[in-house]
Amino acid sequence: AAQMKYRDSSRSAGGHQVSTGGISADVPFVQVGVRFRAIVFRPFVGCLLTGIVSKCDSRMIGVTVFGYWSGAIYALGMEQYKHSGNANQWVCAKTGAAIAVNTVVRFVVQKYECTESGDLRLRGVLGPVGTGQIGEVTDPDTKHHDLTVAPAIEAVKLEPQADVGHAVIGRKEKKKKKKQALNLT
């Protein structure tokens, strides 16, 4: 299931804003032209996402992804980091990079779920190559930060966990197996 959020919506017709819809005799609904910016978001386990730290305490880091979706990186998912209580930040033991509120971080999605209200919750980890602090937010008052979408959603190959019980099959392998199955019948 994919999630979609939108903003900057307006009713429009031919590039001009309108406040009424059009009724046609041949269709059983009102036609209203709409313009909006949308993000269709379909994360998967193992993908690399970029988010802005919105909460930082001794148990976890809370992140906001694309200004809409919330995620959490718990202490167990930050083995290379130690919490610094005085500054309320997490510091990497190897590099010394600090993660605090308004820090831009990359993390790997470990789990995601939809709540009963339809909100998407992400759980991530820091540790694989390419994760951790990658910058600071220059204007923390901006609600929706325009993080680049293309580099943020990259597949990261992770070794299958022992408790998973099955190997992850790539798209090409799935297509090949499906094609072989179709040829047998």
Protein backbone atom coordinates (compact mmCIF):
# COMPACT_ATOMS: atom_id res chain seq x y z
CA ALA A 1 0.00 0.00 0.00
CA ALA A 2 1.26 3.45 -0.89
CA GLN A 3 0.55 6.66 0.98
CA MET A 4 -0.20 9.99 -0.69
CA LYS A 5 -0.07 13.46 0.84
CA TYR A 6 -0.75 16.70 -0.98
CA ARG A 7 -0.45 20.46 -0.50
CA ASP A 8 -0.77 23.69 -2.47
CA SER A 9 -4.11 22.57 -3.86
CA SER A 10 -6.40 24.84 -5.85
CA ARG A 11 -9.30 24.39 -8.22
CA SER A 12 -8.34 25.40 -11.71
CA ALA A 13 -9.55 25.43 -15.29
CA GLY A 14 -7.13 26.14 -18.08
CA GLY A 15 -4.55 27.55 -15.68
CA HIS A 16 -7.03 29.97 -14.00
CA GLN A 17 -8.45 29.47 -10.53
CA VAL A 18 -12.18 28.71 -10.42
CA SER A 19 -14.68 28.37 -7.62
CA THR A 20 -17.35 26.30 -9.40
CA GLY A 21 -17.52 22.91 -11.03
CA GLY A 22 -18.96 21.90 -14.36
CA ILE A 23 -21.96 19.58 -14.75
CA SER A 24 -22.28 17.56 -17.94
CA ALA A 25 -25.44 15.76 -19.06
CA ASP A 26 -23.54 12.60 -19.96
CA VAL A 27 -21.69 12.03 -16.65
CA PRO A 28 -23.22 11.45 -13.19
CA PHE A 29 -20.74 13.62 -11.29
CA VAL A 30 -19.45 17.18 -11.03
CA GLN A 31 -16.21 17.88 -12.86
CA VAL A 32 -13.79 20.21 -11.10
CA GLY A 33 -10.26 20.79 -12.34
CA VAL A 34 -7.75 20.53 -9.51
CA ARG A 35 -4.04 21.34 -9.35
CA PHE A 36 -1.86 20.15 -6.49
CA ARG A 37 1.59 18.93 -5.56
CA ALA A 38 1.61 15.33 -4.38
CA ILE A 39 4.05 12.86 -2.95
CA VAL A 40 3.19 9.20 -3.42
CA PHE A 41 5.24 7.34 -0.86
CA ARG A 42 5.76 3.60 -0.80
CA PRO A 43 8.69 2.70 1.43
CA PHE A 44 9.97 -0.84 1.73
CA VAL A 45 12.12 -2.66 4.26
CA GLY A 46 15.73 -2.00 3.41
CA CYS A 47 15.24 1.32 1.59
CA LEU A 48 17.39 4.30 2.50
CA LEU A 49 15.40 7.41 3.52
CA THR A 50 16.35 10.96 4.43
CA GLY A 51 14.57 12.70 7.30
CA ILE A 52 14.82 15.63 9.67
CA VAL A 53 15.24 14.94 13.38
CA SER A 54 12.21 16.32 15.23
CA LYS A 55 12.78 14.68 18.61
CA CYS A 56 15.90 13.46 20.36
CA ASP A 57 16.03 11.79 23.77
CA SER A 58 17.88 8.97 25.51
CA ARG A 59 15.58 6.26 24.09
CA MET A 60 15.21 7.29 20.46
CA ILE A 61 15.45 9.78 17.63
CA GLY A 62 12.18 10.92 16.03
CA VAL A 63 12.41 11.89 12.34
CA THR A 64 10.06 13.49 9.84
CA VAL A 65 10.35 12.20 6.27
CA PHE A 66 9.34 14.57 3.42
CA GLY A 67 7.57 16.80 5.97
CA TYR A 68 4.66 14.38 6.44
CA TRP A 69 5.62 10.92 7.69
CA SER A 70 7.07 10.19 11.10
CA GLY A 71 9.69 7.63 11.92
CA ALA A 72 11.65 6.47 14.91
CA ILE A 73 15.18 5.21 15.31
CA TYR A 74 15.44 3.53 18.70
CA ALA A 75 18.62 3.15 20.74
CA LEU A 76 18.94 -0.53 19.72
CA GLY A 77 19.15 0.61 16.09
CA MET A 78 22.04 3.00 16.80
CA GLU A 79 24.80 0.72 18.02
CA GLN A 80 27.60 3.05 16.83
CA TYR A 81 26.09 6.04 18.68
CA LYS A 82 26.07 7.08 22.33
CA HIS A 83 23.57 9.47 23.89
CA SER A 84 25.03 12.65 25.35
CA GLY A 85 22.61 13.63 28.10
CA ASN A 86 23.86 17.19 28.61
CA ALA A 87 23.42 18.23 24.98
CA ASN A 88 20.50 15.84 24.30
CA GLN A 89 22.14 14.45 21.18
CA TRP A 90 23.54 11.18 19.86
CA VAL A 91 27.24 11.12 18.96
CA CYS A 92 28.88 8.60 16.62
CA ALA A 93 31.80 6.83 18.32
CA LYS A 94 33.70 6.47 15.02
CA THR A 95 33.28 9.89 13.39
CA GLY A 96 32.18 12.16 16.23
CA ALA A 97 29.20 13.36 14.15
CA ALA A 98 26.37 14.57 16.38
CA ILE A 99 22.66 14.03 15.76
CA ALA A 100 20.26 16.45 17.45
CA VAL A 101 16.97 18.21 16.63
CA ASN A 102 17.00 19.75 13.10
CA THR A 103 19.78 17.43 11.92
CA VAL A 104 19.24 15.80 8.53
CA VAL A 105 19.85 12.03 8.76
CA ARG A 106 19.76 9.04 6.47
CA PHE A 107 18.49 5.77 7.84
CA VAL A 108 17.50 2.31 6.64
CA VAL A 109 13.85 1.30 7.04
CA GLN A 110 13.66 -1.72 9.31
CA LYS A 111 9.87 -1.88 9.67
CA TYR A 112 6.79 0.11 8.72
CA GLU A 113 3.10 -0.11 9.58
CA CYS A 114 -0.16 1.72 9.01
CA THR A 115 -2.09 2.77 12.09
CA GLU A 116 -5.87 2.49 12.40
CA SER A 117 -6.15 6.17 11.47
CA GLY A 118 -4.23 5.51 8.22
CA ASP A 119 -0.97 7.15 9.28
CA LEU A 120 2.28 5.48 8.30
CA ARG A 121 4.88 4.79 11.00
CA LEU A 122 8.45 4.01 10.08
CA ARG A 123 11.10 2.34 12.21
CA GLY A 124 14.69 2.67 11.11
CA VAL A 125 18.28 1.88 11.97
CA LEU A 126 21.58 3.70 11.66
CA GLY A 127 24.71 1.73 11.00
CA PRO A 128 24.94 0.49 7.41
CA VAL A 129 27.15 2.47 5.04
CA GLY A 130 25.49 5.69 3.91
CA THR A 131 23.46 6.28 7.07
CA GLY A 132 23.83 8.88 9.81
CA GLN A 133 24.08 12.65 9.90
CA ILE A 134 24.25 14.27 6.45
CA GLY A 135 23.52 17.92 7.25
CA GLU A 136 21.63 20.54 9.21
CA VAL A 137 18.34 22.28 8.49
CA THR A 138 19.04 25.91 7.60
CA ASP A 139 15.51 27.22 8.29
CA PRO A 140 13.85 25.19 11.09
CA ASP A 141 10.63 27.26 10.83
CA THR A 142 9.88 25.90 7.35
CA LYS A 143 7.22 23.21 7.73
CA HIS A 144 7.87 21.26 4.53
CA HIS A 145 11.54 20.93 3.67
CA ASP A 146 12.21 20.09 0.04
CA LEU A 147 14.56 17.16 0.48
CA THR A 148 15.59 15.71 -2.82
CA VAL A 149 13.47 12.67 -3.59
CA ALA A 150 15.73 10.82 -6.02
CA PRO A 151 18.76 10.15 -3.80
CA ALA A 152 16.63 9.70 -0.70
CA ILE A 153 14.83 6.57 -1.87
CA GLU A 154 17.58 4.18 -2.81
CA ALA A 155 17.55 0.45 -2.32
CA VAL A 156 20.11 -0.79 0.15
CA LYS A 157 21.06 -4.46 0.03
CA LEU A 158 20.92 -5.91 3.50
CA GLU A 159 21.88 -9.40 4.49
CA PRO A 160 18.79 -11.47 5.34
CA GLN A 161 18.20 -11.74 9.06
CA ALA A 162 18.43 -15.19 10.64
CA ASP A 163 14.85 -14.96 11.94
CA VAL A 164 13.36 -14.05 8.55
CA GLY A 165 13.30 -17.65 7.36
CA HIS A 166 13.46 -16.90 3.63
CA ALA A 167 15.82 -15.17 1.25
CA VAL A 168 14.86 -11.96 -0.47
CA ILE A 169 14.41 -12.50 -4.20
CA GLY A 170 15.21 -9.64 -6.56
CA ARG A 171 12.84 -8.37 -9.26
CA LYS A 172 14.78 -9.95 -12.11
CA GLU A 173 14.78 -13.31 -10.37
CA LYS A 174 11.02 -13.08 -9.73
CA LYS A 175 10.33 -12.20 -13.36
CA LYS A 176 12.55 -15.06 -14.53
CA LYS A 177 10.76 -17.58 -12.27
CA LYS A 178 7.35 -16.29 -13.37
CA LYS A 179 8.35 -16.56 -17.03
CA GLN A 180 9.61 -20.11 -16.50
CA ALA A 181 6.34 -21.04 -14.76
CA LEU A 182 4.31 -19.63 -17.65
CA ASN A 183 6.39 -21.53 -20.20
CA LEU A 184 5.80 -24.84 -18.38
CA THR A 185 2.03 -24.66 -18.75
